Amino acid sequence: MAHDLLWGMTPGQLPEDAPAWAIASLDAGQPVVVRRAVSAVGQVAVGVRGRLREQRYATSMAIAAVSRRVRPEQLCHVDIGRDLPAVRALKHLRPLLDACGWIWGVSGSAGFELASGFSALHEGSDLDLILRTPQPLSRVQARELLRVLDSVECAVDMQLQMPLGAVALREWAGSSGRVLLKNATQACLVIDPWNPQEQAA
């Protein structure tokens, strides 16, 4: 699933035109991040992360090569010994999100560092979270949740992960009649991101 971290990809599995920094990342044993995209049979769409924010390389990985997988929700209660705004924000939000009984997880730079041990966070890093929402989350609930997330010291971006794709919590909590739903094949504006008939229209 999107945002999962996978181990097992080697530099030899990269295309010949892959940048040197992507080769170095895999050489160091770093995981790759599952992307929301269509892949060939037996492959999964992934992204290789570099040290810089702009260093993101989209490629695919053979499913047979996967040696380990970590999902964002497995990282909720992992701690790292670094005193950074995103780390402090996670510690503050953890009991509040747990108390709601939701299935949530850590993605982005924070998730990458929590899972792999490779430094990815810095003082200005946002905290990226996901929330599994198989059932509709009302816009009133979304606004209440956004108020909680906005109470911490760093910017928090949360994606609502639904059966049909993903929507930014901040957008769903807003006043626009339509929101951008992203799935493996497209991004489209919808009124109800949980309604499969709307996407098919």
N, C-alpha and C. Protein backbone atom coordinates (compact mmCIF):
# COMPACT_ATOMS: atom_id res chain seq x y z
N MET A 1 0.84 -1.20 0.00
CA MET A 1 0.00 0.00 0.00
C MET A 1 0.88 1.25 0.00
N ALA A 2 0.33 2.34 -0.52
CA ALA A 2 1.08 3.59 -0.56
C ALA A 2 1.61 3.96 0.83
N HIS A 3 2.82 4.46 0.86
CA HIS A 3 3.55 4.89 2.07
C HIS A 3 4.23 3.76 2.82
N ASP A 4 3.97 2.50 2.44
CA ASP A 4 4.71 1.40 3.06
C ASP A 4 6.19 1.53 2.69
N LEU A 5 7.05 1.09 3.58
CA LEU A 5 8.50 1.08 3.32
C LEU A 5 8.93 -0.36 3.05
N LEU A 6 9.70 -0.53 1.97
CA LEU A 6 10.14 -1.86 1.56
C LEU A 6 11.65 -1.95 1.53
N TRP A 7 12.18 -3.07 2.02
CA TRP A 7 13.61 -3.35 1.93
C TRP A 7 13.83 -4.47 0.92
N GLY A 8 15.02 -4.49 0.35
CA GLY A 8 15.38 -5.57 -0.56
C GLY A 8 15.76 -5.11 -1.95
N MET A 9 15.51 -3.83 -2.25
CA MET A 9 15.89 -3.33 -3.57
C MET A 9 17.37 -3.00 -3.58
N THR A 10 18.06 -3.41 -4.64
CA THR A 10 19.50 -3.17 -4.77
C THR A 10 19.76 -2.23 -5.94
N PRO A 11 20.95 -1.61 -5.98
CA PRO A 11 21.27 -0.73 -7.11
C PRO A 11 21.15 -1.42 -8.46
N GLY A 12 21.41 -2.73 -8.49
CA GLY A 12 21.33 -3.47 -9.75
C GLY A 12 19.92 -3.56 -10.31
N GLN A 13 18.92 -3.28 -9.48
CA GLN A 13 17.53 -3.32 -9.94
C GLN A 13 17.07 -1.98 -10.51
N LEU A 14 17.92 -0.96 -10.41
CA LEU A 14 17.57 0.36 -10.94
C LEU A 14 17.80 0.43 -12.44
N PRO A 15 17.05 1.27 -13.13
CA PRO A 15 17.33 1.50 -14.56
C PRO A 15 18.72 2.08 -14.75
N GLU A 16 19.26 1.92 -15.94
CA GLU A 16 20.63 2.37 -16.22
C GLU A 16 20.79 3.88 -16.07
N ASP A 17 19.70 4.64 -16.25
CA ASP A 17 19.80 6.10 -16.17
C ASP A 17 19.50 6.64 -14.77
N ALA A 18 19.44 5.77 -13.77
CA ALA A 18 19.17 6.22 -12.40
C ALA A 18 20.28 7.15 -11.91
N PRO A 19 19.94 8.19 -11.16
CA PRO A 19 20.97 9.12 -10.66
C PRO A 19 21.89 8.46 -9.64
N ALA A 20 23.08 9.03 -9.52
CA ALA A 20 24.08 8.47 -8.61
C ALA A 20 23.60 8.46 -7.17
N TRP A 21 22.84 9.50 -6.77
CA TRP A 21 22.39 9.56 -5.38
C TRP A 21 21.41 8.42 -5.06
N ALA A 22 20.59 7.99 -6.06
CA ALA A 22 19.66 6.89 -5.84
C ALA A 22 20.43 5.58 -5.66
N ILE A 23 21.47 5.41 -6.45
CA ILE A 23 22.32 4.23 -6.32
C ILE A 23 22.97 4.20 -4.94
N ALA A 24 23.46 5.38 -4.49
CA ALA A 24 24.10 5.47 -3.17
C ALA A 24 23.11 5.16 -2.05
N SER A 25 21.86 5.61 -2.19
CA SER A 25 20.84 5.35 -1.16
C SER A 25 20.60 3.85 -1.00
N LEU A 26 20.46 3.15 -2.12
CA LEU A 26 20.22 1.71 -2.04
C LEU A 26 21.47 0.97 -1.59
N ASP A 27 22.63 1.46 -1.99
CA ASP A 27 23.90 0.87 -1.54
C ASP A 27 24.01 0.92 -0.03
N ALA A 28 23.46 1.98 0.56
CA ALA A 28 23.53 2.16 2.01
C ALA A 28 22.51 1.30 2.75
N GLY A 29 21.64 0.62 2.00
CA GLY A 29 20.65 -0.26 2.63
C GLY A 29 19.35 0.43 2.98
N GLN A 30 19.10 1.58 2.38
CA GLN A 30 17.87 2.30 2.69
C GLN A 30 16.66 1.63 2.03
N PRO A 31 15.50 1.75 2.67
CA PRO A 31 14.27 1.21 2.07
C PRO A 31 13.76 2.15 0.98
N VAL A 32 12.81 1.66 0.21
CA VAL A 32 12.10 2.48 -0.77
C VAL A 32 10.67 2.65 -0.28
N VAL A 33 9.99 3.66 -0.82
CA VAL A 33 8.64 4.00 -0.39
C VAL A 33 7.65 3.63 -1.48
N VAL A 34 6.59 2.93 -1.12
CA VAL A 34 5.58 2.55 -2.10
C VAL A 34 4.82 3.78 -2.56
N ARG A 35 4.70 3.91 -3.89
CA ARG A 35 3.97 5.03 -4.50
C ARG A 35 2.58 4.57 -4.91
N ARG A 36 1.70 5.55 -5.06
CA ARG A 36 0.35 5.27 -5.54
C ARG A 36 0.37 5.36 -7.06
N ALA A 37 0.63 4.25 -7.74
CA ALA A 37 0.73 4.22 -9.19
C ALA A 37 0.51 2.79 -9.67
N VAL A 38 0.13 2.65 -10.92
CA VAL A 38 -0.10 1.33 -11.51
C VAL A 38 1.24 0.72 -11.91
N SER A 39 1.40 -0.56 -11.63
CA SER A 39 2.65 -1.26 -11.95
C SER A 39 2.36 -2.50 -12.79
N ALA A 40 3.40 -2.99 -13.43
CA ALA A 40 3.29 -4.24 -14.18
C ALA A 40 3.09 -5.40 -13.21
N VAL A 41 2.61 -6.50 -13.71
CA VAL A 41 2.42 -7.69 -12.88
C VAL A 41 3.75 -8.10 -12.25
N GLY A 42 3.72 -8.37 -10.95
CA GLY A 42 4.94 -8.78 -10.25
C GLY A 42 5.82 -7.63 -9.81
N GLN A 43 5.36 -6.39 -10.07
CA GLN A 43 6.13 -5.20 -9.70
C GLN A 43 5.29 -4.31 -8.77
N VAL A 44 5.97 -3.46 -8.02
CA VAL A 44 5.29 -2.46 -7.19
C VAL A 44 5.97 -1.12 -7.45
N ALA A 45 5.16 -0.07 -7.59
CA ALA A 45 5.69 1.28 -7.82
C ALA A 45 6.31 1.81 -6.53
N VAL A 46 7.55 2.27 -6.62
CA VAL A 46 8.25 2.76 -5.44
C VAL A 46 9.01 4.05 -5.75
N GLY A 47 9.44 4.70 -4.68
CA GLY A 47 10.27 5.89 -4.82
C GLY A 47 11.52 5.73 -3.97
N VAL A 48 12.65 6.14 -4.52
CA VAL A 48 13.91 6.14 -3.78
C VAL A 48 14.12 7.54 -3.24
N ARG A 49 14.47 7.64 -1.97
CA ARG A 49 14.72 8.94 -1.34
C ARG A 49 16.21 9.23 -1.29
N GLY A 50 16.56 10.50 -1.54
CA GLY A 50 17.92 10.96 -1.36
C GLY A 50 18.02 11.82 -0.12
N ARG A 51 19.17 12.40 0.12
CA ARG A 51 19.37 13.23 1.30
C ARG A 51 18.65 14.57 1.18
N LEU A 52 18.49 15.07 -0.03
CA LEU A 52 17.85 16.36 -0.26
C LEU A 52 16.38 16.17 -0.59
N ARG A 53 15.58 17.18 -0.28
CA ARG A 53 14.14 17.11 -0.49
C ARG A 53 13.78 16.84 -1.94
N GLU A 54 14.55 17.45 -2.86
CA GLU A 54 14.23 17.29 -4.28
C GLU A 54 14.73 15.97 -4.86
N GLN A 55 15.45 15.20 -4.07
CA GLN A 55 15.97 13.92 -4.54
C GLN A 55 14.95 12.80 -4.28
N ARG A 56 14.07 12.63 -5.25
CA ARG A 56 13.05 11.57 -5.22
C ARG A 56 13.05 10.91 -6.60
N TYR A 57 13.26 9.63 -6.64
CA TYR A 57 13.36 8.93 -7.92
C TYR A 57 12.28 7.86 -7.99
N ALA A 58 11.38 8.00 -8.96
CA ALA A 58 10.28 7.05 -9.14
C ALA A 58 10.73 5.88 -10.02
N THR A 59 10.46 4.69 -9.55
CA THR A 59 10.80 3.49 -10.30
C THR A 59 9.87 2.36 -9.86
N SER A 60 10.23 1.13 -10.17
CA SER A 60 9.43 -0.01 -9.72
C SER A 60 10.36 -1.08 -9.17
N MET A 61 9.80 -1.92 -8.33
CA MET A 61 10.58 -2.96 -7.66
C MET A 61 9.87 -4.30 -7.83
N ALA A 62 10.63 -5.35 -8.02
CA ALA A 62 10.04 -6.68 -8.11
C ALA A 62 9.52 -7.10 -6.74
N ILE A 63 8.27 -7.52 -6.70
CA ILE A 63 7.68 -7.93 -5.43
C ILE A 63 8.48 -9.08 -4.82
N ALA A 64 9.03 -9.94 -5.66
CA ALA A 64 9.80 -11.09 -5.17
C ALA A 64 11.07 -10.65 -4.45
N ALA A 65 11.52 -9.41 -4.68
CA ALA A 65 12.76 -8.94 -4.05
C ALA A 65 12.52 -8.36 -2.66
N VAL A 66 11.27 -8.16 -2.29
CA VAL A 66 10.95 -7.54 -0.99
C VAL A 66 11.35 -8.48 0.15
N SER A 67 12.20 -7.99 1.03
CA SER A 67 12.65 -8.79 2.17
C SER A 67 12.00 -8.36 3.48
N ARG A 68 11.47 -7.14 3.49
CA ARG A 68 10.85 -6.62 4.72
C ARG A 68 9.90 -5.50 4.34
N ARG A 69 8.80 -5.40 5.06
CA ARG A 69 7.85 -4.31 4.83
C ARG A 69 7.44 -3.70 6.16
N VAL A 70 7.40 -2.39 6.23
CA VAL A 70 6.92 -1.68 7.41
C VAL A 70 5.83 -0.72 6.98
N ARG A 71 4.68 -0.82 7.63
CA ARG A 71 3.55 0.05 7.32
C ARG A 71 3.55 1.26 8.25
N PRO A 72 2.98 2.39 7.84
CA PRO A 72 2.98 3.59 8.67
C PRO A 72 2.40 3.38 10.07
N GLU A 73 1.36 2.53 10.17
CA GLU A 73 0.75 2.34 11.49
C GLU A 73 1.62 1.54 12.46
N GLN A 74 2.66 0.91 11.94
CA GLN A 74 3.61 0.20 12.81
C GLN A 74 4.60 1.17 13.47
N LEU A 75 4.57 2.43 13.06
CA LEU A 75 5.56 3.40 13.53
C LEU A 75 5.01 4.38 14.56
N CYS A 76 3.74 4.25 14.90
CA CYS A 76 3.10 5.22 15.81
C CYS A 76 3.80 5.34 17.15
N HIS A 77 4.32 4.22 17.65
CA HIS A 77 4.90 4.22 18.99
C HIS A 77 6.39 3.93 18.99
N VAL A 78 7.03 4.21 17.87
CA VAL A 78 8.49 4.11 17.78
C VAL A 78 9.07 5.47 18.15
N ASP A 79 10.14 5.46 18.92
CA ASP A 79 10.79 6.71 19.32
C ASP A 79 12.19 6.77 18.75
N ILE A 80 12.64 7.99 18.46
CA ILE A 80 14.03 8.22 18.08
C ILE A 80 14.62 9.23 19.05
N GLY A 81 15.88 9.11 19.31
CA GLY A 81 16.52 9.95 20.30
C GLY A 81 16.98 11.30 19.76
N ARG A 82 16.10 11.98 19.04
CA ARG A 82 16.45 13.30 18.53
C ARG A 82 15.39 14.30 18.96
N ASP A 83 15.83 15.47 19.41
CA ASP A 83 14.91 16.50 19.89
C ASP A 83 14.65 17.49 18.76
N LEU A 84 13.62 17.19 17.97
CA LEU A 84 13.25 18.02 16.83
C LEU A 84 11.75 18.33 16.91
N PRO A 85 11.31 19.44 16.30
CA PRO A 85 9.89 19.79 16.37
C PRO A 85 8.95 18.67 15.93
N ALA A 86 9.27 17.98 14.84
CA ALA A 86 8.40 16.91 14.36
C ALA A 86 8.33 15.76 15.37
N VAL A 87 9.44 15.47 16.03
CA VAL A 87 9.47 14.39 17.02
C VAL A 87 8.65 14.79 18.25
N ARG A 88 8.80 16.03 18.67
CA ARG A 88 8.02 16.52 19.81
C ARG A 88 6.53 16.55 19.48
N ALA A 89 6.20 16.94 18.25
CA ALA A 89 4.79 16.98 17.83
C ALA A 89 4.18 15.58 17.84
N LEU A 90 4.94 14.60 17.37
CA LEU A 90 4.45 13.22 17.37
C LEU A 90 4.18 12.74 18.79
N LYS A 91 5.09 13.03 19.70
CA LYS A 91 4.90 12.61 21.10
C LYS A 91 3.66 13.25 21.71
N HIS A 92 3.40 14.50 21.33
CA HIS A 92 2.23 15.21 21.85
C HIS A 92 0.93 14.63 21.27
N LEU A 93 0.94 14.34 19.98
CA LEU A 93 -0.29 13.89 19.31
C LEU A 93 -0.61 12.42 19.54
N ARG A 94 0.41 11.63 19.83
CA ARG A 94 0.24 10.18 19.95
C ARG A 94 -0.92 9.79 20.88
N PRO A 95 -0.96 10.26 22.14
CA PRO A 95 -2.06 9.84 23.02
C PRO A 95 -3.42 10.37 22.57
N LEU A 96 -3.43 11.53 21.94
CA LEU A 96 -4.70 12.11 21.48
C LEU A 96 -5.29 11.29 20.34
N LEU A 97 -4.45 10.88 19.40
CA LEU A 97 -4.93 10.07 18.28
C LEU A 97 -5.28 8.66 18.73
N ASP A 98 -4.49 8.11 19.64
CA ASP A 98 -4.79 6.78 20.16
C ASP A 98 -6.14 6.76 20.87
N ALA A 99 -6.43 7.84 21.60
CA ALA A 99 -7.66 7.90 22.39
C ALA A 99 -8.90 7.90 21.50
N CYS A 100 -8.75 8.32 20.26
CA CYS A 100 -9.89 8.35 19.33
C CYS A 100 -10.22 6.97 18.78
N GLY A 101 -9.30 6.02 18.96
CA GLY A 101 -9.54 4.67 18.48
C GLY A 101 -9.34 4.48 17.00
N TRP A 102 -8.71 5.47 16.34
CA TRP A 102 -8.48 5.38 14.90
C TRP A 102 -7.22 4.58 14.58
N ILE A 103 -7.15 4.09 13.36
CA ILE A 103 -5.92 3.46 12.86
C ILE A 103 -5.16 4.54 12.10
N TRP A 104 -4.03 4.96 12.66
CA TRP A 104 -3.25 6.03 12.06
C TRP A 104 -1.79 5.62 11.96
N GLY A 105 -1.02 6.39 11.24
CA GLY A 105 0.38 6.03 11.07
C GLY A 105 1.23 7.23 10.71
N VAL A 106 2.54 7.00 10.71
CA VAL A 106 3.52 8.04 10.42
C VAL A 106 4.14 7.76 9.06
N SER A 107 4.16 8.77 8.20
CA SER A 107 4.74 8.62 6.87
C SER A 107 5.79 9.71 6.66
N GLY A 108 6.15 9.98 5.40
CA GLY A 108 7.09 11.05 5.10
C GLY A 108 8.45 10.85 5.75
N SER A 109 9.13 11.96 6.00
CA SER A 109 10.49 11.91 6.55
C SER A 109 10.52 11.27 7.93
N ALA A 110 9.51 11.58 8.74
CA ALA A 110 9.47 11.02 10.10
C ALA A 110 9.32 9.50 10.05
N GLY A 111 8.40 9.03 9.21
CA GLY A 111 8.22 7.60 9.09
C GLY A 111 9.46 6.90 8.57
N PHE A 112 10.12 7.54 7.61
CA PHE A 112 11.34 6.97 7.03
C PHE A 112 12.42 6.82 8.10
N GLU A 113 12.60 7.86 8.92
CA GLU A 113 13.64 7.79 9.95
C GLU A 113 13.26 6.82 11.06
N LEU A 114 12.00 6.82 11.47
CA LEU A 114 11.57 5.90 12.52
C LEU A 114 11.76 4.44 12.12
N ALA A 115 11.50 4.17 10.85
CA ALA A 115 11.57 2.78 10.37
C ALA A 115 12.98 2.33 10.07
N SER A 116 13.78 3.24 9.52
CA SER A 116 15.08 2.83 8.98
C SER A 116 16.28 3.21 9.84
N GLY A 117 16.13 4.25 10.66
CA GLY A 117 17.26 4.75 11.43
C GLY A 117 18.12 5.72 10.67
N PHE A 118 17.85 5.92 9.37
CA PHE A 118 18.59 6.90 8.58
C PHE A 118 18.02 8.30 8.85
N SER A 119 18.89 9.26 9.10
CA SER A 119 18.44 10.62 9.41
C SER A 119 17.73 11.22 8.20
N ALA A 120 16.49 11.65 8.40
CA ALA A 120 15.71 12.27 7.33
C ALA A 120 15.04 13.55 7.80
N LEU A 121 14.95 13.73 9.12
CA LEU A 121 14.29 14.90 9.70
C LEU A 121 15.28 16.02 9.97
N HIS A 122 14.76 17.25 9.94
CA HIS A 122 15.56 18.42 10.36
C HIS A 122 14.64 19.39 11.09
N GLU A 123 15.17 20.49 11.55
CA GLU A 123 14.39 21.44 12.36
C GLU A 123 13.12 21.92 11.66
N GLY A 124 13.17 22.04 10.34
CA GLY A 124 12.02 22.58 9.62
C GLY A 124 11.09 21.53 9.04
N SER A 125 11.31 20.27 9.36
CA SER A 125 10.49 19.19 8.78
C SER A 125 9.05 19.24 9.27
N ASP A 126 8.13 18.99 8.32
CA ASP A 126 6.74 18.77 8.69
C ASP A 126 6.60 17.37 9.28
N LEU A 127 5.49 17.13 9.94
CA LEU A 127 5.14 15.78 10.40
C LEU A 127 4.04 15.27 9.48
N ASP A 128 4.31 14.18 8.77
CA ASP A 128 3.33 13.59 7.84
C ASP A 128 2.68 12.38 8.50
N LEU A 129 1.35 12.40 8.52
CA LEU A 129 0.59 11.31 9.12
C LEU A 129 -0.45 10.80 8.14
N ILE A 130 -0.88 9.57 8.34
CA ILE A 130 -2.00 9.02 7.58
C ILE A 130 -3.07 8.56 8.56
N LEU A 131 -4.30 8.55 8.09
CA LEU A 131 -5.42 8.04 8.89
C LEU A 131 -6.22 7.10 8.00
N ARG A 132 -6.36 5.86 8.43
CA ARG A 132 -7.16 4.88 7.69
C ARG A 132 -8.64 5.20 7.93
N THR A 133 -9.35 5.49 6.86
CA THR A 133 -10.77 5.84 6.99
C THR A 133 -11.60 4.98 6.02
N PRO A 134 -11.76 3.70 6.34
CA PRO A 134 -12.60 2.85 5.48
C PRO A 134 -14.05 3.31 5.47
N GLN A 135 -14.49 3.92 6.58
CA GLN A 135 -15.83 4.48 6.67
C GLN A 135 -15.73 6.01 6.59
N PRO A 136 -16.76 6.67 6.07
CA PRO A 136 -16.71 8.13 5.93
C PRO A 136 -16.41 8.87 7.24
N LEU A 137 -15.57 9.87 7.11
CA LEU A 137 -15.28 10.79 8.20
C LEU A 137 -16.00 12.09 7.87
N SER A 138 -16.86 12.54 8.75
CA SER A 138 -17.63 13.75 8.44
C SER A 138 -16.71 14.97 8.38
N ARG A 139 -17.16 16.00 7.70
CA ARG A 139 -16.35 17.20 7.59
C ARG A 139 -16.24 17.90 8.94
N VAL A 140 -17.26 17.75 9.78
CA VAL A 140 -17.19 18.30 11.14
C VAL A 140 -16.09 17.59 11.93
N GLN A 141 -16.04 16.27 11.84
CA GLN A 141 -14.98 15.51 12.50
C GLN A 141 -13.62 15.92 11.96
N ALA A 142 -13.54 16.13 10.65
CA ALA A 142 -12.28 16.52 10.03
C ALA A 142 -11.80 17.86 10.58
N ARG A 143 -12.70 18.80 10.75
CA ARG A 143 -12.32 20.12 11.28
C ARG A 143 -11.86 20.02 12.73
N GLU A 144 -12.51 19.17 13.50
CA GLU A 144 -12.10 18.97 14.90
C GLU A 144 -10.71 18.35 14.97
N LEU A 145 -10.47 17.38 14.11
CA LEU A 145 -9.16 16.73 14.07
C LEU A 145 -8.09 17.71 13.62
N LEU A 146 -8.40 18.54 12.64
CA LEU A 146 -7.44 19.51 12.16
C LEU A 146 -7.06 20.50 13.25
N ARG A 147 -8.01 20.88 14.08
CA ARG A 147 -7.71 21.80 15.20
C ARG A 147 -6.70 21.17 16.15
N VAL A 148 -6.84 19.87 16.38
CA VAL A 148 -5.89 19.16 17.24
C VAL A 148 -4.50 19.16 16.60
N LEU A 149 -4.43 18.84 15.31
CA LEU A 149 -3.14 18.78 14.63
C LEU A 149 -2.47 20.15 14.57
N ASP A 150 -3.27 21.19 14.45
CA ASP A 150 -2.71 22.54 14.35
C ASP A 150 -2.28 23.11 15.70
N SER A 151 -2.46 22.33 16.76
CA SER A 151 -2.10 22.82 18.10
C SER A 151 -0.63 22.55 18.44
N VAL A 152 0.09 21.82 17.60
CA VAL A 152 1.48 21.49 17.89
C VAL A 152 2.43 22.46 17.21
N GLU A 153 3.72 22.34 17.51
CA GLU A 153 4.69 23.37 17.12
C GLU A 153 5.20 23.28 15.69
N CYS A 154 4.89 22.21 14.98
CA CYS A 154 5.32 22.14 13.58
C CYS A 154 4.12 21.84 12.69
N ALA A 155 4.27 22.09 11.41
CA ALA A 155 3.19 21.82 10.47
C ALA A 155 2.93 20.31 10.40
N VAL A 156 1.67 19.92 10.44
CA VAL A 156 1.28 18.51 10.35
C VAL A 156 0.38 18.33 9.13
N ASP A 157 0.78 17.42 8.26
CA ASP A 157 -0.02 17.08 7.09
C ASP A 157 -0.55 15.67 7.27
N MET A 158 -1.86 15.54 7.22
CA MET A 158 -2.46 14.21 7.36
C MET A 158 -3.24 13.87 6.09
N GLN A 159 -3.05 12.65 5.61
CA GLN A 159 -3.81 12.13 4.47
C GLN A 159 -4.84 11.13 4.97
N LEU A 160 -6.06 11.28 4.48
CA LEU A 160 -7.09 10.30 4.76
C LEU A 160 -6.98 9.19 3.71
N GLN A 161 -6.73 7.98 4.17
CA GLN A 161 -6.58 6.83 3.27
C GLN A 161 -7.88 6.06 3.25
N MET A 162 -8.57 6.12 2.11
CA MET A 162 -9.86 5.48 1.97
C MET A 162 -9.79 4.39 0.91
N PRO A 163 -10.81 3.56 0.79
CA PRO A 163 -10.75 2.46 -0.18
C PRO A 163 -10.48 2.91 -1.62
N LEU A 164 -10.89 4.13 -1.97
CA LEU A 164 -10.78 4.58 -3.36
C LEU A 164 -9.57 5.47 -3.63
N GLY A 165 -8.77 5.73 -2.61
CA GLY A 165 -7.61 6.61 -2.80
C GLY A 165 -7.32 7.40 -1.54
N ALA A 166 -6.87 8.63 -1.71
CA ALA A 166 -6.48 9.45 -0.56
C ALA A 166 -6.85 10.91 -0.79
N VAL A 167 -7.21 11.57 0.30
CA VAL A 167 -7.56 12.99 0.29
C VAL A 167 -6.84 13.65 1.45
N ALA A 168 -6.36 14.87 1.25
CA ALA A 168 -5.72 15.62 2.33
C ALA A 168 -6.77 16.01 3.36
N LEU A 169 -6.48 15.73 4.63
CA LEU A 169 -7.41 16.11 5.70
C LEU A 169 -7.71 17.60 5.64
N ARG A 170 -6.69 18.41 5.42
CA ARG A 170 -6.87 19.87 5.42
C ARG A 170 -7.88 20.29 4.34
N GLU A 171 -7.87 19.56 3.21
CA GLU A 171 -8.81 19.89 2.13
C GLU A 171 -10.22 19.43 2.49
N TRP A 172 -10.33 18.21 3.06
CA TRP A 172 -11.64 17.69 3.45
C TRP A 172 -12.25 18.53 4.57
N ALA A 173 -11.42 19.14 5.39
CA ALA A 173 -11.90 19.98 6.48
C ALA A 173 -12.26 21.39 6.01
N GLY A 174 -11.93 21.71 4.77
CA GLY A 174 -12.19 23.04 4.24
C GLY A 174 -13.62 23.23 3.78
N SER A 175 -13.85 24.33 3.07
CA SER A 175 -15.21 24.70 2.68
C SER A 175 -15.53 24.40 1.22
N SER A 176 -14.54 23.93 0.47
CA SER A 176 -14.77 23.65 -0.95
C SER A 176 -15.73 22.48 -1.12
N GLY A 177 -16.62 22.60 -2.11
CA GLY A 177 -17.59 21.53 -2.34
C GLY A 177 -16.97 20.26 -2.88
N ARG A 178 -15.87 20.40 -3.61
CA ARG A 178 -15.17 19.24 -4.18
C ARG A 178 -13.75 19.17 -3.64
N VAL A 179 -13.25 17.96 -3.50
CA VAL A 179 -11.89 17.75 -3.00
C VAL A 179 -11.13 16.87 -3.98
N LEU A 180 -9.80 16.96 -3.93
CA LEU A 180 -8.96 16.19 -4.85
C LEU A 180 -8.68 14.81 -4.29
N LEU A 181 -9.19 13.80 -4.98
CA LEU A 181 -8.98 12.41 -4.60
C LEU A 181 -7.90 11.83 -5.50
N LYS A 182 -6.84 11.29 -4.89
CA LYS A 182 -5.75 10.69 -5.65
C LYS A 182 -5.80 9.17 -5.51
N ASN A 183 -5.74 8.49 -6.65
CA ASN A 183 -5.63 7.04 -6.60
C ASN A 183 -4.51 6.59 -7.53
N ALA A 184 -4.43 5.31 -7.80
CA ALA A 184 -3.30 4.78 -8.57
C ALA A 184 -3.30 5.23 -10.02
N THR A 185 -4.45 5.62 -10.53
CA THR A 185 -4.53 5.95 -11.96
C THR A 185 -4.77 7.41 -12.26
N GLN A 186 -5.30 8.16 -11.30
CA GLN A 186 -5.66 9.54 -11.59
C GLN A 186 -5.85 10.35 -10.32
N ALA A 187 -6.01 11.65 -10.52
CA ALA A 187 -6.43 12.56 -9.45
C ALA A 187 -7.67 13.26 -9.98
N CYS A 188 -8.77 13.21 -9.24
CA CYS A 188 -10.01 13.80 -9.72
C CYS A 188 -10.73 14.54 -8.59
N LEU A 189 -11.50 15.55 -8.97
CA LEU A 189 -12.28 16.31 -8.01
C LEU A 189 -13.60 15.60 -7.77
N VAL A 190 -13.91 15.35 -6.50
CA VAL A 190 -15.14 14.64 -6.15
C VAL A 190 -15.84 15.34 -4.99
N ILE A 191 -17.12 15.07 -4.85
CA ILE A 191 -17.87 15.59 -3.72
C ILE A 191 -17.75 14.65 -2.53
N ASP A 192 -17.89 13.35 -2.81
CA ASP A 192 -17.81 12.32 -1.76
C ASP A 192 -16.73 11.32 -2.12
N PRO A 193 -15.55 11.42 -1.50
CA PRO A 193 -14.43 10.52 -1.87
C PRO A 193 -14.64 9.06 -1.47
N TRP A 194 -15.71 8.76 -0.75
CA TRP A 194 -16.01 7.38 -0.39
C TRP A 194 -17.01 6.74 -1.35
N ASN A 195 -17.50 7.49 -2.30
CA ASN A 195 -18.54 7.02 -3.19
C ASN A 195 -17.95 6.50 -4.51
N PRO A 196 -17.94 5.19 -4.73
CA PRO A 196 -17.33 4.65 -5.96
C PRO A 196 -18.09 5.07 -7.22
N GLN A 197 -19.38 5.31 -7.13
CA GLN A 197 -20.15 5.70 -8.30
C GLN A 197 -19.74 7.06 -8.82
N GLU A 198 -19.30 7.93 -7.92
CA GLU A 198 -18.89 9.26 -8.35
C GLU A 198 -17.62 9.19 -9.18
N GLN A 199 -16.69 8.32 -8.82
CA GLN A 199 -15.46 8.18 -9.60
C GLN A 199 -15.73 7.56 -10.96
N ALA A 200 -16.70 6.67 -11.01
CA ALA A 200 -16.99 5.97 -12.25
C ALA A 200 -17.73 6.86 -13.25
N ALA A 201 -18.31 7.93 -12.75
CA ALA A 201 -19.10 8.82 -13.63
C ALA A 201 -18.24 9.51 -14.65
